């Protein structure tokens, strides 16, 4: 049981760990739904991802892009909260994506 707790704290993201039990269930359902069905999305999709993200690793972004041909992926020099740390670049990228 202690091994499980250690492994969980090592793998789980900080934002997930702080959620209530109910919100953890919802969080998992949303993530699983999105990743399992992403290849079925017909609309363009934009991912803004931190190159140094240790919570949601960059390989996950690459996998999502590979699963959806309508996906545009932009890596930036940031971590898990790239959209906050690089807010101006994020906002400009979203506007450019939506207007293209």
N, C-alpha and C. Protein backbone atom coordinates (compact mmCIF):
# COMPACT_ATOMS: atom_id res chain seq x y z
N UNK A 1 0.82 -1.19 0.00
CA UNK A 1 0.00 0.00 0.00
C UNK A 1 0.87 1.26 0.00
N UNK A 2 1.97 1.27 0.76
CA UNK A 2 2.88 2.41 0.76
C UNK A 2 3.56 2.58 -0.58
N UNK A 3 3.85 1.45 -1.25
CA UNK A 3 4.45 1.52 -2.59
C UNK A 3 3.49 2.18 -3.56
N UNK A 4 2.21 1.83 -3.46
CA UNK A 4 1.19 2.42 -4.33
C UNK A 4 1.11 3.93 -4.09
N UNK A 5 1.09 4.35 -2.83
CA UNK A 5 0.99 5.78 -2.51
C UNK A 5 2.20 6.54 -3.05
N UNK A 6 3.38 5.96 -2.91
CA UNK A 6 4.59 6.59 -3.42
C UNK A 6 4.53 6.71 -4.94
N UNK A 7 4.13 5.63 -5.61
CA UNK A 7 4.03 5.63 -7.07
C UNK A 7 2.99 6.65 -7.53
N UNK A 8 1.86 6.69 -6.86
CA UNK A 8 0.80 7.63 -7.22
C UNK A 8 1.29 9.07 -7.11
N UNK A 9 1.96 9.40 -6.01
CA UNK A 9 2.46 10.76 -5.83
C UNK A 9 3.56 11.09 -6.83
N UNK A 10 4.27 10.10 -7.30
CA UNK A 10 5.32 10.31 -8.28
C UNK A 10 4.75 10.55 -9.66
N UNK A 11 3.67 9.85 -10.01
CA UNK A 11 3.11 9.91 -11.36
C UNK A 11 2.02 10.97 -11.49
N UNK A 12 1.14 11.08 -10.52
CA UNK A 12 -0.02 11.98 -10.62
C UNK A 12 0.42 13.44 -10.63
N UNK A 13 -0.28 14.25 -11.42
CA UNK A 13 0.05 15.67 -11.49
C UNK A 13 -0.40 16.38 -10.20
N UNK A 14 0.25 17.49 -9.92
CA UNK A 14 -0.07 18.25 -8.70
C UNK A 14 -1.51 18.75 -8.73
N UNK A 15 -1.98 19.17 -9.92
CA UNK A 15 -3.35 19.66 -9.99
C UNK A 15 -4.36 18.54 -9.77
N UNK A 16 -4.03 17.32 -10.16
CA UNK A 16 -4.91 16.18 -9.93
C UNK A 16 -4.94 15.81 -8.44
N UNK A 17 -3.80 15.78 -7.82
CA UNK A 17 -3.68 15.38 -6.41
C UNK A 17 -4.51 16.29 -5.50
N UNK A 18 -4.60 17.56 -5.83
CA UNK A 18 -5.33 18.50 -4.97
C UNK A 18 -6.85 18.45 -5.14
N UNK A 19 -7.34 17.71 -6.12
CA UNK A 19 -8.78 17.63 -6.36
C UNK A 19 -9.49 16.78 -5.31
N UNK A 20 -10.78 17.07 -5.12
CA UNK A 20 -11.60 16.23 -4.26
C UNK A 20 -11.83 14.89 -4.95
N UNK A 21 -12.30 13.90 -4.24
CA UNK A 21 -12.54 12.58 -4.81
C UNK A 21 -13.50 12.66 -6.00
N UNK A 22 -14.58 13.40 -5.86
CA UNK A 22 -15.55 13.55 -6.95
C UNK A 22 -14.91 14.21 -8.16
N UNK A 23 -14.15 15.25 -7.93
CA UNK A 23 -13.50 15.94 -9.05
C UNK A 23 -12.42 15.09 -9.71
N UNK A 24 -11.78 14.22 -8.94
CA UNK A 24 -10.79 13.31 -9.54
C UNK A 24 -11.47 12.37 -10.52
N UNK A 25 -12.64 11.88 -10.17
CA UNK A 25 -13.39 10.99 -11.06
C UNK A 25 -13.75 11.73 -12.34
N UNK A 26 -14.26 12.95 -12.20
CA UNK A 26 -14.61 13.75 -13.37
C UNK A 26 -13.39 14.04 -14.22
N UNK A 27 -12.28 14.41 -13.58
CA UNK A 27 -11.03 14.70 -14.28
C UNK A 27 -10.60 13.51 -15.12
N UNK A 28 -10.59 12.32 -14.51
CA UNK A 28 -10.19 11.11 -15.24
C UNK A 28 -11.13 10.82 -16.40
N UNK A 29 -12.44 11.00 -16.18
CA UNK A 29 -13.41 10.75 -17.25
C UNK A 29 -13.19 11.69 -18.44
N UNK A 30 -12.95 12.96 -18.16
CA UNK A 30 -12.72 13.94 -19.22
C UNK A 30 -11.45 13.61 -19.99
N UNK A 31 -10.36 13.35 -19.28
CA UNK A 31 -9.09 13.02 -19.94
C UNK A 31 -9.22 11.76 -20.77
N UNK A 32 -9.83 10.73 -20.22
CA UNK A 32 -10.00 9.48 -20.97
C UNK A 32 -10.89 9.65 -22.18
N UNK A 33 -11.97 10.40 -22.04
CA UNK A 33 -12.86 10.64 -23.17
C UNK A 33 -12.13 11.37 -24.28
N UNK A 34 -11.39 12.40 -23.91
CA UNK A 34 -10.67 13.19 -24.90
C UNK A 34 -9.60 12.37 -25.60
N UNK A 35 -8.81 11.65 -24.85
CA UNK A 35 -7.71 10.91 -25.47
C UNK A 35 -8.20 9.70 -26.25
N UNK A 36 -9.27 9.08 -25.82
CA UNK A 36 -9.80 7.91 -26.54
C UNK A 36 -10.53 8.29 -27.81
N UNK A 37 -11.04 9.49 -27.89
CA UNK A 37 -11.86 9.90 -29.03
C UNK A 37 -11.24 11.00 -29.88
N UNK A 38 -10.04 11.37 -29.58
CA UNK A 38 -9.44 12.53 -30.26
C UNK A 38 -9.32 12.33 -31.76
N UNK A 39 -9.14 11.11 -32.20
CA UNK A 39 -9.02 10.87 -33.64
C UNK A 39 -10.36 11.07 -34.35
N UNK A 40 -11.46 11.10 -33.60
CA UNK A 40 -12.79 11.29 -34.17
C UNK A 40 -13.18 12.76 -34.28
N UNK A 41 -12.40 13.66 -33.68
CA UNK A 41 -12.73 15.08 -33.74
C UNK A 41 -12.54 15.55 -35.18
N UNK A 42 -13.55 16.17 -35.74
CA UNK A 42 -13.47 16.64 -37.12
C UNK A 42 -13.06 18.11 -37.22
N UNK A 43 -13.11 18.82 -36.12
CA UNK A 43 -12.78 20.23 -36.17
C UNK A 43 -11.29 20.44 -35.89
N UNK A 44 -10.74 21.56 -36.36
CA UNK A 44 -9.35 21.87 -36.05
C UNK A 44 -9.15 21.99 -34.54
N UNK A 45 -7.97 21.61 -34.10
CA UNK A 45 -7.65 21.61 -32.68
C UNK A 45 -6.29 22.26 -32.49
N UNK A 46 -6.14 23.04 -31.42
CA UNK A 46 -4.89 23.72 -31.14
C UNK A 46 -4.38 23.33 -29.76
N UNK A 47 -3.14 22.89 -29.68
CA UNK A 47 -2.50 22.55 -28.41
C UNK A 47 -1.33 23.49 -28.19
N UNK A 48 -1.29 24.10 -27.03
CA UNK A 48 -0.21 25.00 -26.61
C UNK A 48 0.45 24.32 -25.44
N UNK A 49 1.69 23.87 -25.61
CA UNK A 49 2.30 22.94 -24.66
C UNK A 49 3.68 23.39 -24.22
N UNK A 50 3.95 23.26 -22.95
CA UNK A 50 5.27 23.58 -22.42
C UNK A 50 6.28 22.48 -22.69
N UNK A 51 7.42 22.86 -23.23
CA UNK A 51 8.48 21.89 -23.53
C UNK A 51 9.01 21.20 -22.28
N UNK A 52 8.95 21.89 -21.15
CA UNK A 52 9.50 21.34 -19.91
C UNK A 52 8.40 20.88 -18.96
N UNK A 53 7.22 20.62 -19.49
CA UNK A 53 6.09 20.17 -18.67
C UNK A 53 6.41 18.79 -18.08
N UNK A 54 6.45 18.71 -16.77
CA UNK A 54 6.69 17.43 -16.11
C UNK A 54 5.40 16.79 -15.61
N UNK A 55 4.29 17.55 -15.67
CA UNK A 55 2.99 17.04 -15.23
C UNK A 55 2.32 16.27 -16.37
N UNK A 56 2.28 16.88 -17.54
CA UNK A 56 1.72 16.27 -18.74
C UNK A 56 2.82 16.32 -19.78
N UNK A 57 3.55 15.27 -19.87
CA UNK A 57 4.79 15.23 -20.64
C UNK A 57 4.59 15.61 -22.12
N UNK A 58 5.62 16.22 -22.72
CA UNK A 58 5.53 16.61 -24.14
C UNK A 58 5.22 15.45 -25.09
N UNK A 59 5.60 14.23 -24.74
CA UNK A 59 5.30 13.10 -25.63
C UNK A 59 3.79 12.89 -25.75
N UNK A 60 3.03 13.31 -24.73
CA UNK A 60 1.57 13.18 -24.80
C UNK A 60 1.03 14.12 -25.87
N UNK A 61 1.56 15.34 -25.93
CA UNK A 61 1.13 16.29 -26.97
C UNK A 61 1.43 15.74 -28.36
N UNK A 62 2.60 15.15 -28.51
CA UNK A 62 2.97 14.57 -29.81
C UNK A 62 2.03 13.42 -30.18
N UNK A 63 1.66 12.63 -29.19
CA UNK A 63 0.73 11.53 -29.43
C UNK A 63 -0.65 12.05 -29.84
N UNK A 64 -1.13 13.08 -29.15
CA UNK A 64 -2.43 13.67 -29.48
C UNK A 64 -2.41 14.24 -30.89
N UNK A 65 -1.33 14.90 -31.26
CA UNK A 65 -1.21 15.46 -32.61
C UNK A 65 -1.23 14.34 -33.65
N UNK A 66 -0.56 13.26 -33.35
CA UNK A 66 -0.51 12.13 -34.28
C UNK A 66 -1.90 11.49 -34.45
N UNK A 67 -2.69 11.48 -33.38
CA UNK A 67 -4.02 10.88 -33.42
C UNK A 67 -5.05 11.73 -34.15
N UNK A 68 -4.77 13.02 -34.28
CA UNK A 68 -5.73 13.92 -34.93
C UNK A 68 -5.03 14.74 -36.00
N UNK A 69 -5.40 14.51 -37.24
CA UNK A 69 -4.76 15.20 -38.36
C UNK A 69 -5.10 16.69 -38.41
N UNK A 70 -6.16 17.08 -37.71
CA UNK A 70 -6.57 18.49 -37.68
C UNK A 70 -5.94 19.26 -36.52
N UNK A 71 -4.93 18.69 -35.92
CA UNK A 71 -4.34 19.27 -34.72
C UNK A 71 -3.11 20.11 -35.07
N UNK A 72 -3.07 21.30 -34.50
CA UNK A 72 -1.88 22.14 -34.57
C UNK A 72 -1.26 22.16 -33.18
N UNK A 73 0.01 21.89 -33.11
CA UNK A 73 0.72 21.82 -31.83
C UNK A 73 1.81 22.87 -31.80
N UNK A 74 1.80 23.66 -30.74
CA UNK A 74 2.86 24.66 -30.54
C UNK A 74 3.53 24.40 -29.20
N UNK A 75 4.82 24.09 -29.25
CA UNK A 75 5.62 23.94 -28.04
C UNK A 75 6.27 25.28 -27.72
N UNK A 76 6.28 25.62 -26.43
CA UNK A 76 6.92 26.85 -25.98
C UNK A 76 7.85 26.52 -24.81
N UNK A 77 8.78 27.41 -24.56
CA UNK A 77 9.71 27.24 -23.44
C UNK A 77 8.99 27.56 -22.13
N UNK A 78 8.35 26.54 -21.58
CA UNK A 78 7.58 26.71 -20.35
C UNK A 78 7.30 25.33 -19.77
N UNK A 79 6.56 25.33 -18.64
CA UNK A 79 6.21 24.07 -18.00
C UNK A 79 4.71 23.79 -18.14
N UNK A 80 4.11 23.19 -17.15
CA UNK A 80 2.72 22.76 -17.20
C UNK A 80 1.74 23.91 -17.39
N UNK A 81 2.05 25.07 -16.86
CA UNK A 81 1.15 26.21 -16.96
C UNK A 81 1.64 27.20 -18.02
N UNK A 82 1.95 26.67 -19.18
CA UNK A 82 2.47 27.48 -20.28
C UNK A 82 1.54 28.63 -20.66
N UNK A 83 0.25 28.38 -20.64
CA UNK A 83 -0.72 29.40 -21.02
C UNK A 83 -0.73 30.58 -20.04
N UNK A 84 -0.29 30.35 -18.81
CA UNK A 84 -0.19 31.43 -17.83
C UNK A 84 1.18 32.11 -17.90
N UNK A 85 2.21 31.31 -18.00
CA UNK A 85 3.57 31.85 -18.01
C UNK A 85 3.89 32.58 -19.31
N UNK A 86 3.28 32.13 -20.39
CA UNK A 86 3.50 32.74 -21.70
C UNK A 86 2.18 33.28 -22.23
N UNK A 87 1.47 34.03 -21.38
CA UNK A 87 0.09 34.44 -21.68
C UNK A 87 -0.05 35.26 -22.96
N UNK A 88 0.84 36.19 -23.21
CA UNK A 88 0.73 36.99 -24.43
C UNK A 88 0.91 36.11 -25.67
N UNK A 89 1.89 35.23 -25.62
CA UNK A 89 2.13 34.33 -26.74
C UNK A 89 0.95 33.37 -26.92
N UNK A 90 0.40 32.90 -25.80
CA UNK A 90 -0.77 32.02 -25.85
C UNK A 90 -1.95 32.75 -26.50
N UNK A 91 -2.25 33.95 -26.01
CA UNK A 91 -3.38 34.72 -26.55
C UNK A 91 -3.20 35.00 -28.04
N UNK A 92 -2.01 35.41 -28.44
CA UNK A 92 -1.75 35.68 -29.86
C UNK A 92 -1.89 34.40 -30.70
N UNK A 93 -1.43 33.29 -30.16
CA UNK A 93 -1.51 32.02 -30.89
C UNK A 93 -2.96 31.57 -31.06
N UNK A 94 -3.75 31.75 -30.03
CA UNK A 94 -5.17 31.36 -30.11
C UNK A 94 -5.91 32.24 -31.11
N UNK A 95 -5.66 33.55 -31.07
CA UNK A 95 -6.32 34.45 -32.01
C UNK A 95 -5.92 34.09 -33.43
N UNK A 96 -4.62 33.86 -33.66
CA UNK A 96 -4.15 33.48 -35.00
C UNK A 96 -4.81 32.18 -35.44
N UNK A 97 -4.89 31.19 -34.53
CA UNK A 97 -5.49 29.90 -34.87
C UNK A 97 -6.97 30.06 -35.21
N UNK A 98 -7.69 30.83 -34.41
CA UNK A 98 -9.12 31.00 -34.64
C UNK A 98 -9.44 31.82 -35.89
N UNK A 99 -8.52 32.70 -36.26
CA UNK A 99 -8.76 33.56 -37.43
C UNK A 99 -8.21 32.98 -38.73
N UNK A 100 -7.55 31.84 -38.63
CA UNK A 100 -6.97 31.26 -39.86
C UNK A 100 -7.94 30.36 -40.57
